[in-house]
N, C-alpha and C. Protein backbone atom coordinates (compact mmCIF):
# COMPACT_ATOMS: atom_id res chain seq x y z
N MET A 1 2.27 54.11 39.81
CA MET A 1 2.96 52.86 39.70
C MET A 1 2.40 52.32 38.47
N VAL A 2 3.36 51.84 37.68
CA VAL A 2 3.08 51.05 36.36
C VAL A 2 3.30 49.64 36.59
N LEU A 3 2.34 48.84 36.11
CA LEU A 3 2.46 47.41 36.26
C LEU A 3 3.08 46.84 35.00
N HIS A 4 4.26 46.15 35.07
CA HIS A 4 4.93 45.66 34.09
C HIS A 4 4.36 44.31 33.86
N VAL A 5 3.88 43.99 32.52
CA VAL A 5 3.40 42.80 32.22
C VAL A 5 4.42 41.94 31.27
N PRO A 6 5.11 40.93 31.94
CA PRO A 6 6.19 40.37 31.18
C PRO A 6 5.67 39.44 30.16
N GLU A 7 6.54 38.85 29.11
CA GLU A 7 6.18 37.88 28.17
C GLU A 7 6.01 36.69 28.87
N PRO A 8 4.89 35.83 28.49
CA PRO A 8 4.86 34.62 29.17
C PRO A 8 5.95 33.67 28.90
N MET A 9 6.40 32.80 29.84
CA MET A 9 7.31 31.73 29.61
C MET A 9 6.46 30.61 28.82
N LEU A 10 7.33 29.97 27.70
CA LEU A 10 6.65 28.94 27.01
C LEU A 10 7.20 27.78 27.33
N ALA A 11 6.50 26.63 27.25
CA ALA A 11 7.00 25.24 27.58
C ALA A 11 7.87 24.92 26.64
N ALA A 12 8.76 23.91 27.08
CA ALA A 12 9.88 23.52 26.27
C ALA A 12 9.96 21.93 26.54
N PRO A 13 10.10 21.12 25.38
CA PRO A 13 10.39 19.71 25.66
C PRO A 13 11.53 19.36 26.50
N ALA A 14 11.43 18.19 27.22
CA ALA A 14 12.48 17.82 27.88
C ALA A 14 12.67 16.30 27.98
N ALA A 15 14.00 15.86 27.83
CA ALA A 15 14.05 14.45 27.75
C ALA A 15 13.64 13.67 29.22
N VAL A 16 14.07 14.42 30.27
CA VAL A 16 13.86 14.01 31.82
C VAL A 16 13.35 15.09 32.49
N LEU A 17 12.30 14.88 33.05
CA LEU A 17 11.62 15.86 34.04
C LEU A 17 12.26 15.97 35.30
N PRO A 18 12.70 17.20 35.77
CA PRO A 18 13.15 17.25 37.30
C PRO A 18 12.16 16.78 38.32
N MET A 19 12.59 16.06 39.38
CA MET A 19 11.60 15.67 40.32
C MET A 19 11.71 16.43 41.60
N ALA A 20 12.76 17.08 41.86
CA ALA A 20 12.93 17.59 43.36
C ALA A 20 12.46 19.13 43.18
N GLY A 21 11.66 19.47 43.98
CA GLY A 21 11.25 20.86 44.37
C GLY A 21 10.31 21.37 43.16
N VAL A 22 9.71 20.74 42.33
CA VAL A 22 8.99 21.31 41.16
C VAL A 22 7.62 20.61 41.13
N ALA A 23 6.55 21.35 40.90
CA ALA A 23 5.21 20.87 40.79
C ALA A 23 4.78 21.11 39.25
N TYR A 24 3.96 20.06 38.82
CA TYR A 24 3.37 20.08 37.38
C TYR A 24 1.97 20.21 37.27
N GLU A 25 1.44 20.77 36.32
CA GLU A 25 0.03 20.89 36.09
C GLU A 25 -0.22 20.72 34.58
N ALA A 26 -0.93 19.72 34.28
CA ALA A 26 -1.39 19.35 32.92
C ALA A 26 -2.25 20.41 32.37
N LYS A 27 -2.09 20.80 31.00
CA LYS A 27 -2.98 21.69 30.45
C LYS A 27 -3.72 20.84 29.38
N TRP A 28 -5.05 20.67 29.79
CA TRP A 28 -5.67 19.72 28.81
C TRP A 28 -6.48 20.52 27.69
N ASP A 29 -7.02 21.60 28.00
CA ASP A 29 -7.44 22.50 26.90
C ASP A 29 -7.88 23.71 27.50
N GLY A 30 -7.98 24.80 26.57
CA GLY A 30 -8.25 26.19 27.01
C GLY A 30 -7.23 27.06 26.41
N TYR A 31 -7.13 28.39 27.14
CA TYR A 31 -6.37 29.39 26.59
C TYR A 31 -5.36 29.55 27.73
N ARG A 32 -4.04 29.81 27.55
CA ARG A 32 -3.17 30.30 28.42
C ARG A 32 -3.26 31.74 28.35
N CYS A 33 -3.44 32.26 29.60
CA CYS A 33 -3.72 33.87 29.59
C CYS A 33 -3.06 34.45 30.62
N LEU A 34 -2.62 35.67 30.24
CA LEU A 34 -2.09 36.68 31.34
C LEU A 34 -3.21 37.66 31.61
N LEU A 35 -3.52 37.75 32.80
CA LEU A 35 -4.57 38.79 33.39
C LEU A 35 -3.84 39.90 34.12
N ALA A 36 -3.87 41.21 33.70
CA ALA A 36 -3.39 42.25 34.54
C ALA A 36 -4.43 43.14 34.98
N ARG A 37 -4.53 43.52 36.17
CA ARG A 37 -5.34 44.47 36.76
C ARG A 37 -4.39 45.67 37.15
N HIS A 38 -4.35 46.65 36.26
CA HIS A 38 -3.46 47.87 36.37
C HIS A 38 -3.88 48.79 37.36
N PRO A 39 -3.05 49.63 38.11
CA PRO A 39 -3.39 50.52 38.94
C PRO A 39 -4.30 51.70 38.48
N ASP A 40 -4.23 51.94 37.17
CA ASP A 40 -5.05 52.97 36.51
C ASP A 40 -6.42 52.59 36.24
N GLY A 41 -6.68 51.26 36.59
CA GLY A 41 -8.15 50.85 36.28
C GLY A 41 -8.35 50.02 35.19
N ARG A 42 -7.22 49.79 34.28
CA ARG A 42 -7.25 48.98 33.17
C ARG A 42 -7.29 47.51 33.48
N VAL A 43 -7.88 46.76 32.74
CA VAL A 43 -7.71 45.21 32.90
C VAL A 43 -7.45 44.72 31.38
N GLU A 44 -6.22 43.92 31.49
CA GLU A 44 -5.78 43.35 30.32
C GLU A 44 -5.79 41.82 30.37
N LEU A 45 -6.36 41.28 29.30
CA LEU A 45 -6.35 39.76 29.30
C LEU A 45 -5.58 39.56 27.91
N ARG A 46 -4.59 38.61 27.94
CA ARG A 46 -3.77 38.37 26.58
C ARG A 46 -3.22 37.09 26.54
N SER A 47 -3.26 36.45 25.32
CA SER A 47 -2.90 35.12 25.11
C SER A 47 -1.30 35.09 25.08
N ARG A 48 -0.90 34.00 25.32
CA ARG A 48 0.67 33.70 25.28
C ARG A 48 1.27 34.42 24.06
N ARG A 49 0.46 34.47 23.01
CA ARG A 49 1.07 35.20 21.64
C ARG A 49 0.68 36.46 21.56
N GLY A 50 0.09 37.21 22.48
CA GLY A 50 -0.09 38.48 22.78
C GLY A 50 -1.53 38.78 22.11
N THR A 51 -2.37 37.89 21.63
CA THR A 51 -3.77 38.21 21.31
C THR A 51 -4.54 38.81 22.51
N ALA A 52 -5.35 39.86 22.23
CA ALA A 52 -6.20 40.57 23.35
C ALA A 52 -7.30 39.63 23.61
N LEU A 53 -7.64 39.26 24.72
CA LEU A 53 -8.86 38.46 25.10
C LEU A 53 -9.92 39.08 25.93
N ALA A 54 -9.85 40.34 26.35
CA ALA A 54 -10.70 40.97 27.22
C ALA A 54 -12.05 41.04 26.55
N VAL A 55 -12.22 41.30 25.17
CA VAL A 55 -13.60 41.38 24.69
C VAL A 55 -14.23 40.13 24.63
N ALA A 56 -13.44 38.88 24.30
CA ALA A 56 -14.00 37.57 24.35
C ALA A 56 -14.36 37.11 25.68
N PHE A 57 -13.73 37.66 26.59
CA PHE A 57 -14.01 37.18 27.95
C PHE A 57 -14.24 38.34 28.93
N ASP A 58 -15.34 39.21 28.62
CA ASP A 58 -15.50 40.35 29.24
C ASP A 58 -16.12 40.06 30.63
N ASP A 59 -16.79 39.04 30.90
CA ASP A 59 -17.29 38.70 32.26
C ASP A 59 -16.00 38.59 33.27
N ILE A 60 -14.82 37.91 32.68
CA ILE A 60 -13.77 37.75 33.50
C ILE A 60 -12.97 39.01 33.77
N ALA A 61 -12.98 39.88 32.56
CA ALA A 61 -12.39 41.28 32.77
C ALA A 61 -13.08 42.21 33.80
N ALA A 62 -14.58 41.98 33.81
CA ALA A 62 -15.38 42.63 34.60
C ALA A 62 -15.14 42.34 36.05
N ALA A 63 -15.15 40.98 36.29
CA ALA A 63 -14.77 40.46 37.68
C ALA A 63 -13.39 40.80 38.13
N ALA A 64 -12.50 40.96 37.33
CA ALA A 64 -11.07 41.45 37.76
C ALA A 64 -11.19 42.67 38.12
N LEU A 65 -11.83 43.63 37.39
CA LEU A 65 -12.01 45.20 37.80
C LEU A 65 -12.68 45.31 39.11
N ARG A 66 -13.63 44.51 39.27
CA ARG A 66 -14.37 44.66 40.43
C ARG A 66 -13.76 43.93 41.68
N ASP A 67 -13.05 42.74 41.56
CA ASP A 67 -12.69 42.10 42.74
C ASP A 67 -11.23 42.01 43.03
N LEU A 68 -10.33 42.43 42.15
CA LEU A 68 -8.81 42.22 42.33
C LEU A 68 -8.30 43.74 42.81
N PRO A 69 -7.21 43.52 43.47
CA PRO A 69 -6.72 44.71 44.28
C PRO A 69 -6.44 45.79 43.29
N GLU A 70 -6.81 47.09 43.79
CA GLU A 70 -6.67 48.32 42.91
C GLU A 70 -5.20 48.84 42.62
N ASP A 71 -4.29 48.25 43.45
CA ASP A 71 -2.98 48.78 43.23
C ASP A 71 -2.20 47.70 42.21
N GLY A 72 -2.79 47.00 41.73
CA GLY A 72 -2.30 46.12 40.52
C GLY A 72 -1.95 44.76 40.90
N VAL A 73 -2.22 43.86 39.90
CA VAL A 73 -2.08 42.36 40.27
C VAL A 73 -1.93 41.76 38.74
N LEU A 74 -1.07 40.78 38.79
CA LEU A 74 -0.86 39.85 37.57
C LEU A 74 -1.11 38.47 37.86
N LEU A 75 -1.85 37.86 36.94
CA LEU A 75 -2.21 36.50 37.11
C LEU A 75 -1.73 35.65 35.71
N ASP A 76 -1.35 34.47 35.86
CA ASP A 76 -1.16 33.63 34.89
C ASP A 76 -1.85 32.38 34.88
N GLY A 77 -2.59 31.90 34.02
CA GLY A 77 -3.34 30.65 34.14
C GLY A 77 -3.91 30.35 32.85
N VAL A 78 -4.85 29.36 32.97
CA VAL A 78 -5.60 28.77 31.82
C VAL A 78 -7.03 29.04 32.20
N MET A 79 -7.57 29.45 31.04
CA MET A 79 -9.18 29.68 30.95
C MET A 79 -9.87 28.72 30.11
């Protein structure tokens, strides 16, 4: 099985925010990061612009390798 890591969705300005069925979370500071735990044992952390972040956040990469499911998982969040 190959884990496909999509390009992250980018925020876009809006004149009016939709209110029904949508949740919002403010991003105050930090890095937007995609974390992929691939089935072959690789862990990939990259910024929304594609910068590799695994070396800078090696403790997070090690925890992902140790604690996330071996069959692959993709997380999108802020670090």
